Amino acid sequence: MHDRGAKGMRRTLNKLGLSQEAKERVIRLTRKQQGLEPAEVLAAAIEANPGVEAWFIEGLDMWFKDALKMNTVAPVLDDLQRLATRSNVAVIATVGAPKEKTAEGRDSERYHGRDALFGSAALARKAETVVLISKTDMDDENAPRQYSVLPRNGRAERFWMSFANGQLSPVERPEPKEREYNGPPSKTALMLLKIRGKFEIGACISYSADLGVSRNTYHNWLPGAAAEGVIEKRYGRYY
């Protein structure tokens, strides 16, 4: 664990309802360990704890000397992946997310899919599976979160989770909520309205000039709309 102080770490572990045995397995990095390479520290931890099959690194991006540089991030990930392969363990790590550029009229500037990871593109390009956690209601901090699971070689999945009685639990997908905005709608918002008016639910959608946007705008919009669940991608087509 890299991104918590000692007291903050204890509060987090207590909130998770972990047993004392589980709490004792948590390693909070010392100042010296923070200055070493992640794979070096993990290798020592693996050697000291034989039989452990999975390692969770909280705050891996805080360990990078420069999280924005590919030539800094890529070697760290390479070393961790090689260590995981040699030791036959799974390595799961959390990183931050960039601030969303979304503003009314600028929804095309949101980050989507693997691009929604903070820092260098090496994170998305190196990781085998990416899990994104996003809000379902930008105006309600307590709204359920959407978990998008993006395997490198496999179909993506979505789950929705929310806190109940202090525990994170699966919930049904919440109804999408439109944000109130009194200004002019963006091109992509207008396009969505036109698509809804032109195509039946479940129908395969395609570009046509009467959507009122350029072909590039339409094709740039598709991945983000699919990531948000507005449309669905199946076998290379959108519905």
C-alpha atoms as a PDB file:
ATOM      1  CA  MET A   1       0.000   0.000   0.000  1.00  0.00           C
ATOM      2  CA  HIS A   2       1.561   3.253  -1.203  1.00  0.00           C
ATOM      3  CA  ASP A   3      -1.162   5.891  -1.011  1.00  0.00           C
ATOM      4  CA  ARG A   4      -2.220   5.858   2.650  1.00  0.00           C
ATOM      5  CA  GLY A   5      -0.640   7.036   5.848  1.00  0.00           C
ATOM      6  CA  ALA A   6      -0.559   4.625   8.801  1.00  0.00           C
ATOM      7  CA  LYS A   7      -3.781   5.936  10.363  1.00  0.00           C
ATOM      8  CA  GLY A   8      -5.527   6.240   7.009  1.00  0.00           C
ATOM      9  CA  MET A   9      -4.533   2.678   6.198  1.00  0.00           C
ATOM     10  CA  ARG A  10      -5.987   1.386   9.481  1.00  0.00           C
ATOM     11  CA  ARG A  11      -9.266   3.238   8.885  1.00  0.00           C
ATOM     12  CA  THR A  12      -9.492   1.778   5.374  1.00  0.00           C
ATOM     13  CA  LEU A  13      -8.853  -1.762   6.578  1.00  0.00           C
ATOM     14  CA  ASN A  14     -11.401  -1.416   9.391  1.00  0.00           C
ATOM     15  CA  LYS A  15     -13.992  -0.044   6.968  1.00  0.00           C
ATOM     16  CA  LEU A  16     -13.456  -3.054   4.716  1.00  0.00           C
ATOM     17  CA  GLY A  17     -14.357  -5.318   7.610  1.00  0.00           C
ATOM     18  CA  LEU A  18     -11.207  -7.387   7.214  1.00  0.00           C
ATOM     19  CA  SER A  19     -10.201  -9.950   9.788  1.00  0.00           C
ATOM     20  CA  GLN A  20      -7.130  -9.359  11.921  1.00  0.00           C
ATOM     21  CA  GLU A  21      -5.340 -12.070   9.951  1.00  0.00           C
ATOM     22  CA  ALA A  22      -6.066 -10.223   6.700  1.00  0.00           C
ATOM     23  CA  LYS A  23      -4.925  -6.898   8.165  1.00  0.00           C
ATOM     24  CA  GLU A  24      -1.602  -8.435   9.152  1.00  0.00           C
ATOM     25  CA  ARG A  25      -0.954  -9.328   5.520  1.00  0.00           C
ATOM     26  CA  VAL A  26      -1.033  -5.671   4.449  1.00  0.00           C
ATOM     27  CA  ILE A  27       2.368  -4.098   3.861  1.00  0.00           C
ATOM     28  CA  ARG A  28       2.618  -0.328   4.087  1.00  0.00           C
ATOM     29  CA  LEU A  29       5.699   0.822   2.203  1.00  0.00           C
ATOM     30  CA  THR A  30       8.481   2.381   4.202  1.00  0.00           C
ATOM     31  CA  ARG A  31      10.213   5.514   2.940  1.00  0.00           C
ATOM     32  CA  LYS A  32      13.148   3.343   1.855  1.00  0.00           C
ATOM     33  CA  GLN A  33      10.893   0.952  -0.060  1.00  0.00           C
ATOM     34  CA  GLN A  34       9.198   3.864  -1.812  1.00  0.00           C
ATOM     35  CA  GLY A  35      12.605   4.781  -3.230  1.00  0.00           C
ATOM     36  CA  LEU A  36      13.198   1.292  -4.654  1.00  0.00           C
ATOM     37  CA  GLU A  37      11.791  -0.226  -7.836  1.00  0.00           C
ATOM     38  CA  PRO A  38       8.355  -1.867  -7.399  1.00  0.00           C
ATOM     39  CA  ALA A  39       9.543  -5.223  -8.752  1.00  0.00           C
ATOM     40  CA  GLU A  40      12.447  -5.240  -6.297  1.00  0.00           C
ATOM     41  CA  VAL A  41      10.156  -4.703  -3.308  1.00  0.00           C
ATOM     42  CA  LEU A  42       7.578  -7.175  -4.599  1.00  0.00           C
ATOM     43  CA  ALA A  43      10.225  -9.845  -5.220  1.00  0.00           C
ATOM     44  CA  ALA A  44      11.325  -9.616  -1.582  1.00  0.00           C
ATOM     45  CA  ALA A  45       7.707  -9.769  -0.397  1.00  0.00           C
ATOM     46  CA  ILE A  46       7.010 -12.835  -2.545  1.00  0.00           C
ATOM     47  CA  GLU A  47      10.089 -14.586  -1.160  1.00  0.00           C
ATOM     48  CA  ALA A  48       9.043 -13.763   2.405  1.00  0.00           C
ATOM     49  CA  ASN A  49       5.483 -15.032   1.839  1.00  0.00           C
ATOM     50  CA  PRO A  50       5.647 -18.330  -0.067  1.00  0.00           C
ATOM     51  CA  GLY A  51       2.337 -19.632  -1.339  1.00  0.00           C
ATOM     52  CA  VAL A  52       0.663 -16.255  -1.861  1.00  0.00           C
ATOM     53  CA  GLU A  53      -1.027 -16.350  -5.272  1.00  0.00           C
ATOM     54  CA  ALA A  54      -2.138 -12.735  -5.732  1.00  0.00           C
ATOM     55  CA  TRP A  55      -0.599  -9.383  -4.856  1.00  0.00           C
ATOM     56  CA  PHE A  56      -2.548  -6.116  -4.791  1.00  0.00           C
ATOM     57  CA  ILE A  57      -0.575  -2.885  -5.180  1.00  0.00           C
ATOM     58  CA  GLU A  58      -2.550   0.150  -4.034  1.00  0.00           C
ATOM     59  CA  GLY A  59      -1.342   3.336  -5.714  1.00  0.00           C
ATOM     60  CA  LEU A  60       1.178   2.001  -8.238  1.00  0.00           C
ATOM     61  CA  ASP A  61       1.213   5.320 -10.110  1.00  0.00           C
ATOM     62  CA  MET A  62       2.567   7.034  -6.985  1.00  0.00           C
ATOM     63  CA  TRP A  63       5.606   4.760  -7.276  1.00  0.00           C
ATOM     64  CA  PHE A  64       6.562   6.034 -10.734  1.00  0.00           C
ATOM     65  CA  LYS A  65       9.265   8.662 -10.917  1.00  0.00           C
ATOM     66  CA  ASP A  66       7.270  10.268 -13.737  1.00  0.00           C
ATOM     67  CA  ALA A  67       3.852   8.738 -14.400  1.00  0.00           C
ATOM     68  CA  LEU A  68       3.498  10.631 -17.689  1.00  0.00           C
ATOM     69  CA  LYS A  69       6.622   9.306 -19.407  1.00  0.00           C
ATOM     70  CA  MET A  70       6.389   6.049 -21.344  1.00  0.00           C
ATOM     71  CA  ASN A  71      10.113   5.323 -21.001  1.00  0.00           C
ATOM     72  CA  THR A  72       9.677   5.491 -17.210  1.00  0.00           C
ATOM     73  CA  VAL A  73       6.402   3.580 -16.850  1.00  0.00           C
ATOM     74  CA  ALA A  74       6.941   0.805 -19.417  1.00  0.00           C
ATOM     75  CA  PRO A  75      10.080  -0.709 -17.789  1.00  0.00           C
ATOM     76  CA  VAL A  76       8.373  -0.783 -14.376  1.00  0.00           C
ATOM     77  CA  LEU A  77       5.417  -2.685 -15.831  1.00  0.00           C
ATOM     78  CA  ASP A  78       7.719  -5.018 -17.765  1.00  0.00           C
ATOM     79  CA  ASP A  79       9.631  -5.887 -14.597  1.00  0.00           C
ATOM     80  CA  LEU A  80       6.425  -6.547 -12.638  1.00  0.00           C
ATOM     81  CA  GLN A  81       4.995  -8.740 -15.395  1.00  0.00           C
ATOM     82  CA  ARG A  82       8.197 -10.760 -15.713  1.00  0.00           C
ATOM     83  CA  LEU A  83       8.280 -11.238 -11.941  1.00  0.00           C
ATOM     84  CA  ALA A  84       4.627 -12.326 -11.937  1.00  0.00           C
ATOM     85  CA  THR A  85       5.331 -14.867 -14.681  1.00  0.00           C
ATOM     86  CA  ARG A  86       8.443 -16.288 -12.974  1.00  0.00           C
ATOM     87  CA  SER A  87       6.728 -16.478  -9.588  1.00  0.00           C
ATOM     88  CA  ASN A  88       3.374 -17.678 -10.979  1.00  0.00           C
ATOM     89  CA  VAL A  89       1.405 -14.984  -9.153  1.00  0.00           C
ATOM     90  CA  ALA A  90      -1.226 -12.451 -10.190  1.00  0.00           C
ATOM     91  CA  VAL A  91      -0.423  -8.758  -9.763  1.00  0.00           C
ATOM     92  CA  ILE A  92      -3.347  -6.321  -9.487  1.00  0.00           C
ATOM     93  CA  ALA A  93      -2.575  -2.613  -9.176  1.00  0.00           C
ATOM     94  CA  THR A  94      -4.586   0.583  -8.837  1.00  0.00           C
ATOM     95  CA  VAL A  95      -3.742   3.855 -10.541  1.00  0.00           C
ATOM     96  CA  GLY A  96      -5.470   7.194 -10.574  1.00  0.00           C
ATOM     97  CA  ALA A  97      -7.809   8.447 -13.282  1.00  0.00           C
ATOM     98  CA  PRO A  98      -7.423  11.725 -15.181  1.00  0.00           C
ATOM     99  CA  LYS A  99      -9.794  14.564 -14.492  1.00  0.00           C
ATOM    100  CA  GLU A 100     -12.694  14.324 -16.899  1.00  0.00           C
ATOM    101  CA  LYS A 101     -12.719  17.152 -19.386  1.00  0.00           C
ATOM    102  CA  THR A 102     -16.452  16.765 -19.689  1.00  0.00           C
ATOM    103  CA  ALA A 103     -18.374  19.997 -19.712  1.00  0.00           C
ATOM    104  CA  GLU A 104     -21.710  20.657 -21.300  1.00  0.00           C
ATOM    105  CA  GLY A 105     -21.155  20.969 -25.005  1.00  0.00           C
ATOM    106  CA  ARG A 106     -17.797  19.181 -24.735  1.00  0.00           C
ATOM    107  CA  ASP A 107     -18.793  15.569 -24.126  1.00  0.00           C
ATOM    108  CA  SER A 108     -16.573  14.423 -27.004  1.00  0.00           C
ATOM    109  CA  GLU A 109     -13.573  15.317 -24.823  1.00  0.00           C
ATOM    110  CA  ARG A 110     -14.192  12.634 -22.234  1.00  0.00           C
ATOM    111  CA  TYR A 111     -11.714   9.825 -21.811  1.00  0.00           C
ATOM    112  CA  HIS A 112     -13.054   6.375 -22.638  1.00  0.00           C
ATOM    113  CA  GLY A 113     -11.969   2.737 -22.409  1.00  0.00           C
ATOM    114  CA  ARG A 114      -8.318   2.040 -21.717  1.00  0.00           C
ATOM    115  CA  ASP A 115      -7.545   5.705 -22.417  1.00  0.00           C
ATOM    116  CA  ALA A 116      -9.189   6.587 -19.096  1.00  0.00           C
ATOM    117  CA  LEU A 117      -6.067   5.646 -17.120  1.00  0.00           C
ATOM    118  CA  PHE A 118      -3.982   8.388 -15.556  1.00  0.00           C
ATOM    119  CA  GLY A 119      -0.480   8.851 -16.904  1.00  0.00           C
ATOM    120  CA  SER A 120       1.431   7.275 -19.735  1.00  0.00           C
ATOM    121  CA  ALA A 121      -0.316   5.276 -22.459  1.00  0.00           C
ATOM    122  CA  ALA A 122       2.076   2.457 -21.503  1.00  0.00           C
ATOM    123  CA  LEU A 123      -0.332   1.524 -18.680  1.00  0.00           C
ATOM    124  CA  ALA A 124      -3.154   0.694 -21.069  1.00  0.00           C
ATOM    125  CA  ARG A 125      -0.878  -0.893 -23.649  1.00  0.00           C
ATOM    126  CA  LYS A 126       0.944  -3.151 -21.187  1.00  0.00           C
ATOM    127  CA  ALA A 127      -1.869  -4.242 -18.848  1.00  0.00           C
ATOM    128  CA  GLU A 128      -3.638  -7.485 -19.692  1.00  0.00           C
ATOM    129  CA  THR A 129      -6.970  -6.519 -18.106  1.00  0.00           C
ATOM    130  CA  VAL A 130      -8.167  -3.029 -17.174  1.00  0.00           C
ATOM    131  CA  VAL A 131     -11.034  -2.302 -14.764  1.00  0.00           C
ATOM    132  CA  LEU A 132     -12.465   1.202 -14.880  1.00  0.00           C
ATOM    133  CA  ILE A 133     -14.614   2.641 -12.089  1.00  0.00           C
ATOM    134  CA  SER A 134     -16.881   5.518 -13.090  1.00  0.00           C
ATOM    135  CA  LYS A 135     -19.786   7.509 -11.709  1.00  0.00           C
ATOM    136  CA  THR A 136     -23.330   6.820 -12.846  1.00  0.00           C
ATOM    137  CA  ASP A 137     -24.524  10.250 -11.706  1.00  0.00           C
ATOM    138  CA  MET A 138     -22.106  13.168 -11.902  1.00  0.00           C
ATOM    139  CA  ASP A 139     -24.211  15.155  -9.417  1.00  0.00           C
ATOM    140  CA  ASP A 140     -24.475  12.472  -6.721  1.00  0.00           C
ATOM    141  CA  GLU A 141     -21.280  11.297  -5.036  1.00  0.00           C
ATOM    142  CA  ASN A 142     -23.166   8.409  -3.397  1.00  0.00           C
ATOM    143  CA  ALA A 143     -24.646   7.053  -6.627  1.00  0.00           C
ATOM    144  CA  PRO A 144     -23.676   3.489  -7.671  1.00  0.00           C
ATOM    145  CA  ARG A 145     -20.405   3.098  -9.515  1.00  0.00           C
ATOM    146  CA  GLN A 146     -20.038   1.318 -12.828  1.00  0.00           C
ATOM    147  CA  TYR A 147     -17.207  -1.217 -13.091  1.00  0.00           C
ATOM    148  CA  SER A 148     -16.110  -1.801 -16.698  1.00  0.00           C
ATOM    149  CA  VAL A 149     -13.908  -4.882 -17.107  1.00  0.00           C
ATOM    150  CA  LEU A 150     -11.832  -4.685 -20.291  1.00  0.00           C
ATOM    151  CA  PRO A 151      -9.799  -7.833 -21.051  1.00  0.00           C
ATOM    152  CA  ARG A 152      -7.197  -7.564 -23.773  1.00  0.00           C
ATOM    153  CA  ASN A 153      -8.540 -10.664 -25.512  1.00  0.00           C
ATOM    154  CA  GLY A 154     -12.177 -11.084 -24.617  1.00  0.00           C
ATOM    155  CA  ARG A 155     -15.547  -9.435 -24.410  1.00  0.00           C
ATOM    156  CA  ALA A 156     -15.907  -6.491 -22.046  1.00  0.00           C
ATOM    157  CA  GLU A 157     -18.258  -6.748 -19.053  1.00  0.00           C
ATOM    158  CA  ARG A 158     -19.967  -4.223 -16.791  1.00  0.00           C
ATOM    159  CA  PHE A 159     -21.056  -4.435 -13.165  1.00  0.00           C
ATOM    160  CA  TRP A 160     -22.641  -1.896 -10.837  1.00  0.00           C
ATOM    161  CA  MET A 161     -21.744  -1.626  -7.156  1.00  0.00           C
ATOM    162  CA  SER A 162     -22.844   0.546  -4.257  1.00  0.00           C
ATOM    163  CA  PHE A 163     -22.181   0.798  -0.524  1.00  0.00           C
ATOM    164  CA  ALA A 164     -24.842  -0.678   1.759  1.00  0.00           C
ATOM    165  CA  ASN A 165     -24.271  -0.852   5.520  1.00  0.00           C
ATOM    166  CA  GLY A 166     -20.608  -0.085   4.997  1.00  0.00           C
ATOM    167  CA  GLN A 167     -20.075  -2.885   2.483  1.00  0.00           C
ATOM    168  CA  LEU A 168     -19.643  -2.612  -1.286  1.00  0.00           C
ATOM    169  CA  SER A 169     -22.321  -4.789  -2.878  1.00  0.00           C
ATOM    170  CA  PRO A 170     -23.623  -5.512  -6.404  1.00  0.00           C
ATOM    171  CA  VAL A 171     -26.724  -3.564  -7.452  1.00  0.00           C
ATOM    172  CA  GLU A 172     -28.961  -3.396 -10.504  1.00  0.00           C
ATOM    173  CA  ARG A 173     -27.921  -1.029 -13.249  1.00  0.00           C
ATOM    174  CA  PRO A 174     -29.278   2.436 -12.369  1.00  0.00           C
ATOM    175  CA  GLU A 175     -31.342   4.384 -14.835  1.00  0.00           C
ATOM    176  CA  PRO A 176     -29.180   6.874 -16.757  1.00  0.00           C
ATOM    177  CA  LYS A 177     -29.672  10.441 -15.634  1.00  0.00           C
ATOM    178  CA  GLU A 178     -29.377  13.362 -17.978  1.00  0.00           C
ATOM    179  CA  ARG A 179     -27.529  16.346 -16.545  1.00  0.00           C
ATOM    180  CA  GLU A 180     -29.391  19.627 -16.596  1.00  0.00           C
ATOM    181  CA  TYR A 181     -27.916  22.155 -18.981  1.00  0.00           C
ATOM    182  CA  ASN A 182     -29.508  25.310 -20.316  1.00  0.00           C
ATOM    183  CA  GLY A 183     -26.976  26.059 -23.038  1.00  0.00           C
ATOM    184  CA  PRO A 184     -26.977  24.811 -26.615  1.00  0.00           C
ATOM    185  CA  PRO A 185     -26.583  21.035 -26.952  1.00  0.00           C
ATOM    186  CA  SER A 186     -23.337  19.659 -28.346  1.00  0.00           C
ATOM    187  CA  LYS A 187     -23.103  18.024 -31.751  1.00  0.00           C
ATOM    188  CA  THR A 188     -22.804  14.583 -30.194  1.00  0.00           C
ATOM    189  CA  ALA A 189     -25.844  15.199 -27.970  1.00  0.00           C
ATOM    190  CA  LEU A 190     -27.843  16.218 -31.030  1.00  0.00           C
ATOM    191  CA  MET A 191     -26.573  13.165 -32.868  1.00  0.00           C
ATOM    192  CA  LEU A 192     -27.750  10.885 -30.059  1.00  0.00           C
ATOM    193  CA  LEU A 193     -31.221  12.425 -30.203  1.00  0.00           C
ATOM    194  CA  LYS A 194     -31.353  11.909 -33.954  1.00  0.00           C
ATOM    195  CA  ILE A 195     -30.134   8.325 -33.685  1.00  0.00           C
ATOM    196  CA  ARG A 196     -32.811   7.583 -31.109  1.00  0.00           C
ATOM    197  CA  GLY A 197     -35.384   9.057 -33.446  1.00  0.00           C
ATOM    198  CA  LYS A 198     -34.138   7.207 -36.512  1.00  0.00           C
ATOM    199  CA  PHE A 199     -33.382   3.708 -35.218  1.00  0.00           C
ATOM    200  CA  GLU A 200     -35.495   1.283 -33.226  1.00  0.00           C
ATOM    201  CA  ILE A 201     -34.127  -0.051 -29.934  1.00  0.00           C
ATOM    202  CA  GLY A 202     -31.856  -2.994 -30.692  1.00  0.00           C
ATOM    203  CA  ALA A 203     -31.386  -2.064 -34.349  1.00  0.00           C
ATOM    204  CA  CYS A 204     -27.954  -1.869 -35.968  1.00  0.00           C
ATOM    205  CA  ILE A 205     -27.026   1.800 -36.365  1.00  0.00           C
ATOM    206  CA  SER A 206     -24.991   3.344 -39.168  1.00  0.00           C
ATOM    207  CA  TYR A 207     -23.931   6.747 -40.411  1.00  0.00           C
ATOM    208  CA  SER A 208     -26.019   8.798 -42.784  1.00  0.00           C
ATOM    209  CA  ALA A 209     -25.862  12.461 -43.720  1.00  0.00           C
ATOM    210  CA  ASP A 210     -29.279  13.206 -42.234  1.00  0.00           C
ATOM    211  CA  LEU A 211     -27.811  12.774 -38.735  1.00  0.00           C
ATOM    212  CA  GLY A 212     -26.521  16.320 -39.193  1.00  0.00           C
ATOM    213  CA  VAL A 213     -22.916  15.612 -38.172  1.00  0.00           C
ATOM    214  CA  SER A 214     -19.785  14.691 -40.052  1.00  0.00           C
ATOM    215  CA  ARG A 215     -18.787  11.081 -40.589  1.00  0.00           C
ATOM    216  CA  ASN A 216     -15.698  11.658 -38.378  1.00  0.00           C
ATOM    217  CA  THR A 217     -17.822  13.041 -35.523  1.00  0.00           C
ATOM    218  CA  TYR A 218     -20.087  10.000 -35.745  1.00  0.00           C
ATOM    219  CA  HIS A 219     -17.229   7.478 -35.719  1.00  0.00           C
ATOM    220  CA  ASN A 220     -15.385   9.322 -32.945  1.00  0.00           C
ATOM    221  CA  TRP A 221     -18.555   9.244 -30.846  1.00  0.00           C
ATOM    222  CA  LEU A 222     -19.158   5.488 -31.160  1.00  0.00           C
ATOM    223  CA  PRO A 223     -16.471   4.162 -28.729  1.00  0.00           C
ATOM    224  CA  GLY A 224     -17.414   6.610 -25.972  1.00  0.00           C
ATOM    225  CA  ALA A 225     -21.135   5.923 -26.348  1.00  0.00           C
ATOM    226  CA  ALA A 226     -20.439   2.181 -26.181  1.00  0.00           C
ATOM    227  CA  ALA A 227     -18.291   2.633 -23.050  1.00  0.00           C
ATOM    228  CA  GLU A 228     -21.147   4.517 -21.369  1.00  0.00           C
ATOM    229  CA  GLY A 229     -23.697   1.877 -22.346  1.00  0.00           C
ATOM    230  CA  VAL A 230     -25.687   4.222 -24.585  1.00  0.00           C
ATOM    231  CA  ILE A 231     -25.096   1.799 -27.455  1.00  0.00           C
ATOM    232  CA  GLU A 232     -23.654  -1.712 -27.607  1.00  0.00           C
ATOM    233  CA  LYS A 233     -20.901  -3.118 -29.805  1.00  0.00           C
ATOM    234  CA  ARG A 234     -21.312  -6.690 -31.027  1.00  0.00           C
ATOM    235  CA  TYR A 235     -19.081  -8.378 -33.577  1.00  0.00           C
ATOM    236  CA  GLY A 236     -17.774  -5.101 -34.942  1.00  0.00           C
ATOM    237  CA  ARG A 237     -21.199  -3.436 -35.274  1.00  0.00           C
ATOM    238  CA  TYR A 238     -23.061  -1.000 -33.056  1.00  0.00           C
ATOM    239  CA  TYR A 239     -26.667  -1.404 -31.859  1.00  0.00           C
END
